C-alpha atoms as a PDB file:
ATOM      1  CA  UNK A   1       0.021  -0.021   0.027  1.00  0.00           C
ATOM      2  CA  UNK A   2       1.349   3.428  -0.941  1.00  0.00           C
ATOM      3  CA  UNK A   3       1.927   5.899   1.950  1.00  0.00           C
ATOM      4  CA  UNK A   4       1.711   9.702   1.355  1.00  0.00           C
ATOM      5  CA  UNK A   5       4.222  12.284   2.911  1.00  0.00           C
ATOM      6  CA  UNK A   6       1.670  14.585   4.941  1.00  0.00           C
ATOM      7  CA  UNK A   7       4.317  17.458   4.999  1.00  0.00           C
ATOM      8  CA  UNK A   8       4.630  17.410   1.209  1.00  0.00           C
ATOM      9  CA  UNK A   9       0.811  17.158   0.783  1.00  0.00           C
ATOM     10  CA  UNK A  10       0.295  20.195   3.015  1.00  0.00           C
ATOM     11  CA  UNK A  11       2.999  22.230   1.053  1.00  0.00           C
ATOM     12  CA  UNK A  12       1.135  21.179  -2.089  1.00  0.00           C
ATOM     13  CA  UNK A  13      -2.168  22.269  -0.700  1.00  0.00           C
ATOM     14  CA  UNK A  14      -0.779  25.687   0.180  1.00  0.00           C
ATOM     15  CA  UNK A  15       0.633  26.169  -3.280  1.00  0.00           C
ATOM     16  CA  UNK A  16      -2.640  25.428  -4.808  1.00  0.00           C
ATOM     17  CA  UNK A  17      -4.409  27.871  -2.605  1.00  0.00           C
ATOM     18  CA  UNK A  18      -1.957  30.565  -3.528  1.00  0.00           C
ATOM     19  CA  UNK A  19      -2.514  29.746  -7.286  1.00  0.00           C
ATOM     20  CA  UNK A  20      -6.265  29.549  -7.136  1.00  0.00           C
ATOM     21  CA  UNK A  21      -6.882  33.352  -7.193  1.00  0.00           C
ATOM     22  CA  UNK A  22      -4.728  33.914 -10.269  1.00  0.00           C
ATOM     23  CA  UNK A  23      -6.373  30.986 -12.072  1.00  0.00           C
ATOM     24  CA  UNK A  24      -9.826  32.374 -11.267  1.00  0.00           C
ATOM     25  CA  UNK A  25      -8.768  35.854 -12.552  1.00  0.00           C
ATOM     26  CA  UNK A  26      -7.777  34.177 -16.023  1.00  0.00           C
ATOM     27  CA  UNK A  27     -10.902  32.227 -16.380  1.00  0.00           C
ATOM     28  CA  UNK A  28     -14.136  31.325 -14.540  1.00  0.00           C
ATOM     29  CA  UNK A  29     -14.206  28.291 -12.303  1.00  0.00           C
ATOM     30  CA  UNK A  30     -17.780  26.792 -12.371  1.00  0.00           C
ATOM     31  CA  UNK A  31     -19.328  24.812  -9.427  1.00  0.00           C
ATOM     32  CA  UNK A  32     -22.569  22.801  -9.764  1.00  0.00           C
ATOM     33  CA  UNK A  33     -24.613  21.394  -6.810  1.00  0.00           C
ATOM     34  CA  UNK A  34     -27.958  19.525  -7.287  1.00  0.00           C
ATOM     35  CA  UNK A  35     -29.869  16.416  -6.216  1.00  0.00           C
ATOM     36  CA  UNK A  36     -32.411  14.246  -7.971  1.00  0.00           C
ATOM     37  CA  UNK A  37     -35.287  12.461  -6.237  1.00  0.00           C
ATOM     38  CA  UNK A  38     -36.334   9.561  -8.472  1.00  0.00           C
ATOM     39  CA  UNK A  39     -39.128   6.874  -8.065  1.00  0.00           C
ATOM     40  CA  UNK A  40     -36.677   4.204  -9.260  1.00  0.00           C
ATOM     41  CA  UNK A  41     -32.944   3.961  -9.725  1.00  0.00           C
ATOM     42  CA  UNK A  42     -32.737   2.843 -13.556  1.00  0.00           C
ATOM     43  CA  UNK A  43     -29.279   2.680 -15.349  1.00  0.00           C
ATOM     44  CA  UNK A  44     -28.341   1.285 -18.714  1.00  0.00           C
ATOM     45  CA  UNK A  45     -31.343  -1.133 -18.711  1.00  0.00           C
ATOM     46  CA  UNK A  46     -30.994  -2.312 -15.086  1.00  0.00           C
ATOM     47  CA  UNK A  47     -33.090  -1.962 -12.058  1.00  0.00           C
ATOM     48  CA  UNK A  48     -30.627  -0.813  -9.229  1.00  0.00           C
ATOM     49  CA  UNK A  49     -33.142   0.293  -6.521  1.00  0.00           C
ATOM     50  CA  UNK A  50     -36.387   1.940  -5.622  1.00  0.00           C
ATOM     51  CA  UNK A  51     -37.112   5.561  -4.620  1.00  0.00           C
ATOM     52  CA  UNK A  52     -33.677   7.235  -4.270  1.00  0.00           C
ATOM     53  CA  UNK A  53     -31.919  10.413  -3.391  1.00  0.00           C
ATOM     54  CA  UNK A  54     -29.093  11.065  -5.908  1.00  0.00           C
ATOM     55  CA  UNK A  55     -26.902  14.085  -5.048  1.00  0.00           C
ATOM     56  CA  UNK A  56     -24.159  15.602  -7.347  1.00  0.00           C
ATOM     57  CA  UNK A  57     -21.247  18.110  -6.789  1.00  0.00           C
ATOM     58  CA  UNK A  58     -19.123  19.121  -9.529  1.00  0.00           C
ATOM     59  CA  UNK A  59     -16.339  21.744 -10.458  1.00  0.00           C
ATOM     60  CA  UNK A  60     -15.119  22.721 -13.929  1.00  0.00           C
ATOM     61  CA  UNK A  61     -12.439  24.869 -15.335  1.00  0.00           C
ATOM     62  CA  UNK A  62     -11.381  25.294 -18.990  1.00  0.00           C
ATOM     63  CA  UNK A  63     -12.985  22.063 -20.249  1.00  0.00           C
ATOM     64  CA  UNK A  64     -11.852  20.072 -17.280  1.00  0.00           C
ATOM     65  CA  UNK A  65     -14.152  18.847 -14.704  1.00  0.00           C
ATOM     66  CA  UNK A  66     -14.261  16.745 -11.640  1.00  0.00           C
ATOM     67  CA  UNK A  67     -17.654  15.552 -10.149  1.00  0.00           C
ATOM     68  CA  UNK A  68     -19.102  13.364  -7.459  1.00  0.00           C
ATOM     69  CA  UNK A  69     -22.373  11.574  -7.687  1.00  0.00           C
ATOM     70  CA  UNK A  70     -24.245   9.256  -5.270  1.00  0.00           C
ATOM     71  CA  UNK A  71     -27.386   7.283  -4.699  1.00  0.00           C
ATOM     72  CA  UNK A  72     -29.136   6.270  -1.434  1.00  0.00           C
ATOM     73  CA  UNK A  73     -32.248   4.395  -1.148  1.00  0.00           C
ATOM     74  CA  UNK A  74     -35.214   6.262   0.648  1.00  0.00           C
ATOM     75  CA  UNK A  75     -38.129   3.703   0.569  1.00  0.00           C
ATOM     76  CA  UNK A  76     -35.732   0.759   0.667  1.00  0.00           C
ATOM     77  CA  UNK A  77     -32.723   1.448   3.011  1.00  0.00           C
ATOM     78  CA  UNK A  78     -31.301  -1.769   2.040  1.00  0.00           C
ATOM     79  CA  UNK A  79     -30.820  -0.488  -1.474  1.00  0.00           C
ATOM     80  CA  UNK A  80     -27.051  -0.402  -2.338  1.00  0.00           C
ATOM     81  CA  UNK A  81     -25.532   3.020  -1.540  1.00  0.00           C
ATOM     82  CA  UNK A  82     -23.312   4.278  -4.262  1.00  0.00           C
ATOM     83  CA  UNK A  83     -20.680   6.877  -4.576  1.00  0.00           C
ATOM     84  CA  UNK A  84     -18.942   7.738  -7.861  1.00  0.00           C
ATOM     85  CA  UNK A  85     -16.229  10.126  -8.935  1.00  0.00           C
ATOM     86  CA  UNK A  86     -15.622  11.247 -12.505  1.00  0.00           C
ATOM     87  CA  UNK A  87     -12.846  13.268 -14.006  1.00  0.00           C
ATOM     88  CA  UNK A  88     -13.320  14.378 -17.765  1.00  0.00           C
ATOM     89  CA  UNK A  89     -12.185  16.770 -20.455  1.00  0.00           C
ATOM     90  CA  UNK A  90     -14.447  18.359 -22.992  1.00  0.00           C
ATOM     91  CA  UNK A  91     -13.527  20.335 -26.077  1.00  0.00           C
ATOM     92  CA  UNK A  92     -16.195  21.233 -28.728  1.00  0.00           C
ATOM     93  CA  UNK A  93     -18.379  18.179 -29.051  1.00  0.00           C
ATOM     94  CA  UNK A  94     -15.681  15.718 -27.867  1.00  0.00           C
ATOM     95  CA  UNK A  95     -15.254  14.494 -24.453  1.00  0.00           C
ATOM     96  CA  UNK A  96     -13.208  11.781 -22.652  1.00  0.00           C
ATOM     97  CA  UNK A  97     -13.375  10.650 -19.095  1.00  0.00           C
ATOM     98  CA  UNK A  98     -12.718   8.108 -16.322  1.00  0.00           C
ATOM     99  CA  UNK A  99     -15.332   7.077 -13.563  1.00  0.00           C
ATOM    100  CA  UNK A 100     -14.667   5.403 -10.305  1.00  0.00           C
ATOM    101  CA  UNK A 101     -17.798   3.555  -9.158  1.00  0.00           C
ATOM    102  CA  UNK A 102     -18.012   2.295  -5.557  1.00  0.00           C
ATOM    103  CA  UNK A 103     -20.832   0.469  -3.788  1.00  0.00           C
ATOM    104  CA  UNK A 104     -21.118   0.885  -0.064  1.00  0.00           C
ATOM    105  CA  UNK A 105     -21.985  -2.390   1.587  1.00  0.00           C
ATOM    106  CA  UNK A 106     -21.239  -3.718   5.098  1.00  0.00           C
ATOM    107  CA  UNK A 107     -18.227  -5.651   3.709  1.00  0.00           C
ATOM    108  CA  UNK A 108     -16.768  -2.981   1.266  1.00  0.00           C
ATOM    109  CA  UNK A 109     -14.092  -0.587   2.296  1.00  0.00           C
ATOM    110  CA  UNK A 110     -13.573   2.600   0.261  1.00  0.00           C
ATOM    111  CA  UNK A 111      -9.776   2.639   0.555  1.00  0.00           C
ATOM    112  CA  UNK A 112      -9.363  -0.986  -0.353  1.00  0.00           C
ATOM    113  CA  UNK A 113      -7.908  -1.106  -3.945  1.00  0.00           C
ATOM    114  CA  UNK A 114      -6.648  -4.679  -4.306  1.00  0.00           C
ATOM    115  CA  UNK A 115      -7.025  -5.778  -7.928  1.00  0.00           C
ATOM    116  CA  UNK A 116      -8.951  -8.889  -7.207  1.00  0.00           C
ATOM    117  CA  UNK A 117     -11.067  -7.946  -4.269  1.00  0.00           C
ATOM    118  CA  UNK A 118     -11.696  -4.268  -4.481  1.00  0.00           C
ATOM    119  CA  UNK A 119     -15.390  -2.917  -4.559  1.00  0.00           C
ATOM    120  CA  UNK A 120     -14.319  -0.150  -6.942  1.00  0.00           C
ATOM    121  CA  UNK A 121     -15.080  -0.453 -10.704  1.00  0.00           C
ATOM    122  CA  UNK A 122     -13.063   1.815 -13.060  1.00  0.00           C
ATOM    123  CA  UNK A 123     -14.575   2.874 -16.262  1.00  0.00           C
ATOM    124  CA  UNK A 124     -13.134   4.904 -19.277  1.00  0.00           C
ATOM    125  CA  UNK A 125     -15.656   6.746 -21.568  1.00  0.00           C
ATOM    126  CA  UNK A 126     -15.323   8.522 -24.816  1.00  0.00           C
ATOM    127  CA  UNK A 127     -17.942  10.231 -27.097  1.00  0.00           C
ATOM    128  CA  UNK A 128     -18.767  13.040 -29.360  1.00  0.00           C
ATOM    129  CA  UNK A 129     -21.932  15.255 -29.452  1.00  0.00           C
ATOM    130  CA  UNK A 130     -22.862  15.962 -33.038  1.00  0.00           C
ATOM    131  CA  UNK A 131     -25.736  18.111 -32.067  1.00  0.00           C
ATOM    132  CA  UNK A 132     -28.626  16.183 -33.381  1.00  0.00           C
ATOM    133  CA  UNK A 133     -27.138  12.931 -31.940  1.00  0.00           C
ATOM    134  CA  UNK A 134     -24.462  12.085 -29.376  1.00  0.00           C
ATOM    135  CA  UNK A 135     -22.512   8.874 -29.286  1.00  0.00           C
ATOM    136  CA  UNK A 136     -20.846   7.536 -26.149  1.00  0.00           C
ATOM    137  CA  UNK A 137     -18.688   4.371 -25.424  1.00  0.00           C
ATOM    138  CA  UNK A 138     -17.941   3.119 -21.957  1.00  0.00           C
ATOM    139  CA  UNK A 139     -15.660   0.338 -20.958  1.00  0.00           C
ATOM    140  CA  UNK A 140     -14.547  -1.051 -17.581  1.00  0.00           C
ATOM    141  CA  UNK A 141     -10.887  -1.440 -17.397  1.00  0.00           C
ATOM    142  CA  UNK A 142      -9.814  -2.133 -13.875  1.00  0.00           C
ATOM    143  CA  UNK A 143     -11.285  -2.990 -10.488  1.00  0.00           C
ATOM    144  CA  UNK A 144     -14.157  -5.305  -9.734  1.00  0.00           C
ATOM    145  CA  UNK A 145     -14.631  -6.258 -13.298  1.00  0.00           C
ATOM    146  CA  UNK A 146     -14.372  -9.989 -12.405  1.00  0.00           C
ATOM    147  CA  UNK A 147     -16.970 -12.141 -14.151  1.00  0.00           C
ATOM    148  CA  UNK A 148     -19.509 -14.914 -13.677  1.00  0.00           C
ATOM    149  CA  UNK A 149     -19.998 -17.558 -16.515  1.00  0.00           C
ATOM    150  CA  UNK A 150     -23.679 -16.854 -17.314  1.00  0.00           C
ATOM    151  CA  UNK A 151     -24.238 -20.404 -18.423  1.00  0.00           C
ATOM    152  CA  UNK A 152     -22.372 -22.337 -15.663  1.00  0.00           C
ATOM    153  CA  UNK A 153     -22.689 -19.669 -12.897  1.00  0.00           C
ATOM    154  CA  UNK A 154     -19.010 -20.091 -12.027  1.00  0.00           C
ATOM    155  CA  UNK A 155     -17.272 -16.964 -10.481  1.00  0.00           C
ATOM    156  CA  UNK A 156     -13.731 -16.166 -11.619  1.00  0.00           C
ATOM    157  CA  UNK A 157     -12.312 -13.338  -9.635  1.00  0.00           C
ATOM    158  CA  UNK A 158      -9.171 -13.260 -11.912  1.00  0.00           C
ATOM    159  CA  UNK A 159     -11.155 -12.983 -15.223  1.00  0.00           C
ATOM    160  CA  UNK A 160     -11.649  -9.587 -16.764  1.00  0.00           C
ATOM    161  CA  UNK A 161     -14.132  -9.075 -19.585  1.00  0.00           C
ATOM    162  CA  UNK A 162     -13.760  -5.275 -20.154  1.00  0.00           C
ATOM    163  CA  UNK A 163     -17.572  -4.828 -19.872  1.00  0.00           C
ATOM    164  CA  UNK A 164     -18.717  -2.246 -22.335  1.00  0.00           C
ATOM    165  CA  UNK A 165     -21.802  -0.280 -23.192  1.00  0.00           C
ATOM    166  CA  UNK A 166     -22.375   2.081 -26.219  1.00  0.00           C
ATOM    167  CA  UNK A 167     -25.294   4.492 -26.420  1.00  0.00           C
ATOM    168  CA  UNK A 168     -26.836   7.053 -28.789  1.00  0.00           C
ATOM    169  CA  UNK A 169     -28.908   9.948 -27.557  1.00  0.00           C
ATOM    170  CA  UNK A 170     -30.959  12.410 -29.414  1.00  0.00           C
ATOM    171  CA  UNK A 171     -32.417  15.625 -27.842  1.00  0.00           C
ATOM    172  CA  UNK A 172     -35.455  17.421 -29.221  1.00  0.00           C
ATOM    173  CA  UNK A 173     -38.433  19.723 -28.135  1.00  0.00           C
ATOM    174  CA  UNK A 174     -41.986  18.658 -28.194  1.00  0.00           C
ATOM    175  CA  UNK A 175     -45.207  19.947 -26.564  1.00  0.00           C
ATOM    176  CA  UNK A 176     -43.314  22.433 -24.418  1.00  0.00           C
ATOM    177  CA  UNK A 177     -40.815  19.884 -22.986  1.00  0.00           C
ATOM    178  CA  UNK A 178     -37.232  19.054 -23.449  1.00  0.00           C
ATOM    179  CA  UNK A 179     -37.162  15.421 -24.789  1.00  0.00           C
ATOM    180  CA  UNK A 180     -34.340  12.858 -25.114  1.00  0.00           C
ATOM    181  CA  UNK A 181     -34.457   9.631 -26.884  1.00  0.00           C
ATOM    182  CA  UNK A 182     -31.791   7.022 -26.102  1.00  0.00           C
ATOM    183  CA  UNK A 183     -30.825   3.516 -27.387  1.00  0.00           C
ATOM    184  CA  UNK A 184     -28.011   1.471 -25.787  1.00  0.00           C
ATOM    185  CA  UNK A 185     -26.338  -1.751 -26.359  1.00  0.00           C
ATOM    186  CA  UNK A 186     -23.785  -4.113 -24.719  1.00  0.00           C
ATOM    187  CA  UNK A 187     -21.526  -5.350 -27.513  1.00  0.00           C
ATOM    188  CA  UNK A 188     -20.326  -8.571 -26.189  1.00  0.00           C
ATOM    189  CA  UNK A 189     -20.914 -11.224 -23.337  1.00  0.00           C
ATOM    190  CA  UNK A 190     -20.417  -9.847 -19.848  1.00  0.00           C
ATOM    191  CA  UNK A 191     -22.049 -10.823 -16.540  1.00  0.00           C
ATOM    192  CA  UNK A 192     -21.658  -7.057 -15.537  1.00  0.00           C
ATOM    193  CA  UNK A 193     -24.741  -6.289 -17.626  1.00  0.00           C
ATOM    194  CA  UNK A 194     -26.150  -9.857 -17.570  1.00  0.00           C
ATOM    195  CA  UNK A 195     -25.927 -10.589 -21.265  1.00  0.00           C
ATOM    196  CA  UNK A 196     -24.621 -13.696 -23.302  1.00  0.00           C
ATOM    197  CA  UNK A 197     -23.505 -11.697 -26.256  1.00  0.00           C
ATOM    198  CA  UNK A 198     -24.421  -8.476 -28.293  1.00  0.00           C
ATOM    199  CA  UNK A 199     -27.723  -7.175 -26.680  1.00  0.00           C
ATOM    200  CA  UNK A 200     -29.868  -3.958 -26.885  1.00  0.00           C
ATOM    201  CA  UNK A 201     -30.360  -3.225 -23.178  1.00  0.00           C
ATOM    202  CA  UNK A 202     -31.893   0.132 -23.175  1.00  0.00           C
ATOM    203  CA  UNK A 203     -34.495   2.009 -25.229  1.00  0.00           C
ATOM    204  CA  UNK A 204     -35.900   5.028 -23.649  1.00  0.00           C
ATOM    205  CA  UNK A 205     -37.554   8.411 -23.972  1.00  0.00           C
ATOM    206  CA  UNK A 206     -37.257  11.095 -21.343  1.00  0.00           C
ATOM    207  CA  UNK A 207     -39.280  14.400 -21.013  1.00  0.00           C
ATOM    208  CA  UNK A 208     -38.296  17.235 -18.727  1.00  0.00           C
ATOM    209  CA  UNK A 209     -40.271  20.506 -17.888  1.00  0.00           C
ATOM    210  CA  UNK A 210     -39.589  23.193 -15.337  1.00  0.00           C
ATOM    211  CA  UNK A 211     -42.247  23.512 -12.668  1.00  0.00           C
ATOM    212  CA  UNK A 212     -42.422  27.223 -11.625  1.00  0.00           C
ATOM    213  CA  UNK A 213     -42.626  27.684  -7.955  1.00  0.00           C
ATOM    214  CA  UNK A 214     -42.102  31.325  -7.654  1.00  0.00           C
ATOM    215  CA  UNK A 215     -40.941  34.041 -10.099  1.00  0.00           C
ATOM    216  CA  UNK A 216     -37.287  33.236  -9.190  1.00  0.00           C
ATOM    217  CA  UNK A 217     -37.387  29.501  -8.586  1.00  0.00           C
ATOM    218  CA  UNK A 218     -38.366  26.578 -10.506  1.00  0.00           C
ATOM    219  CA  UNK A 219     -38.039  22.754 -10.151  1.00  0.00           C
ATOM    220  CA  UNK A 220     -37.150  20.473 -13.262  1.00  0.00           C
ATOM    221  CA  UNK A 221     -39.563  17.679 -13.275  1.00  0.00           C
ATOM    222  CA  UNK A 222     -38.954  14.596 -15.538  1.00  0.00           C
ATOM    223  CA  UNK A 223     -40.617  11.425 -16.567  1.00  0.00           C
ATOM    224  CA  UNK A 224     -38.901   8.443 -18.578  1.00  0.00           C
ATOM    225  CA  UNK A 225     -40.297   5.466 -20.150  1.00  0.00           C
ATOM    226  CA  UNK A 226     -37.764   2.775 -20.681  1.00  0.00           C
ATOM    227  CA  UNK A 227     -37.306  -0.899 -21.700  1.00  0.00           C
ATOM    228  CA  UNK A 228     -34.730  -3.356 -21.711  1.00  0.00           C
ATOM    229  CA  UNK A 229     -35.280  -5.709 -24.781  1.00  0.00           C
ATOM    230  CA  UNK A 230     -32.674  -8.120 -23.741  1.00  0.00           C
ATOM    231  CA  UNK A 231     -34.214  -8.957 -20.338  1.00  0.00           C
ATOM    232  CA  UNK A 232     -37.817  -8.216 -21.541  1.00  0.00           C
ATOM    233  CA  UNK A 233     -38.281  -5.613 -18.853  1.00  0.00           C
ATOM    234  CA  UNK A 234     -40.113  -2.151 -18.976  1.00  0.00           C
ATOM    235  CA  UNK A 235     -39.835   0.728 -16.527  1.00  0.00           C
ATOM    236  CA  UNK A 236     -41.643   4.017 -15.830  1.00  0.00           C
ATOM    237  CA  UNK A 237     -39.518   6.552 -13.829  1.00  0.00           C
ATOM    238  CA  UNK A 238     -40.394  10.090 -12.556  1.00  0.00           C
ATOM    239  CA  UNK A 239     -38.444  12.444 -10.437  1.00  0.00           C
ATOM    240  CA  UNK A 240     -37.347  16.049  -9.851  1.00  0.00           C
ATOM    241  CA  UNK A 241     -34.165  18.003  -9.465  1.00  0.00           C
ATOM    242  CA  UNK A 242     -33.280  20.491  -6.733  1.00  0.00           C
ATOM    243  CA  UNK A 243     -30.637  22.963  -7.551  1.00  0.00           C
ATOM    244  CA  UNK A 244     -29.576  26.410  -6.494  1.00  0.00           C
END
């Protein structure tokens, strides 16, 4: 396990604090804070929980961004608690990033990074927003990407399948709402998404509209109809976003 020199870390922190005012003078640092309340935690064709609170905190500067996202069950406290960190860079329509997914259960320690027993999953993503359509590719490259043979049910902690997911999204406006249509697929066999080969796992449409509370405050409300053709499941999710 790697150990950090506290004195050096303190000196680095002071240096960054001294640099921050100059950096902000050159360009604007943006911070985002918000939280979604959703009727169901639906992700890439998978049902991951019931009514959930999903907070987010992010900071961005000159195309670089670092964000934290989490999910905790409200109606079912036994739902898995999730904490994700994402670092990304965007220029024009192009973006690239890395996400660290972590699931907080009784047996999982956050600062445990052993290659064959960590609860973290590391995913790389790359994509391009063409305007009418955005394309994104996601691949697990490290962490708990061990697999289970879907036919024999044998778990191999040393196996790595580089589980991947590709998705196309298209935004549009209709009836006074902001809409987004999406279709996503898993390109090859992986237990991470529960498929035995290429499979379309997500077909969805989502509508969002601001609900005006006062002249200066509104709450975005959204509804999503989704289906996973591979598992033959369908979902209807509603929620709202709280943000400054």
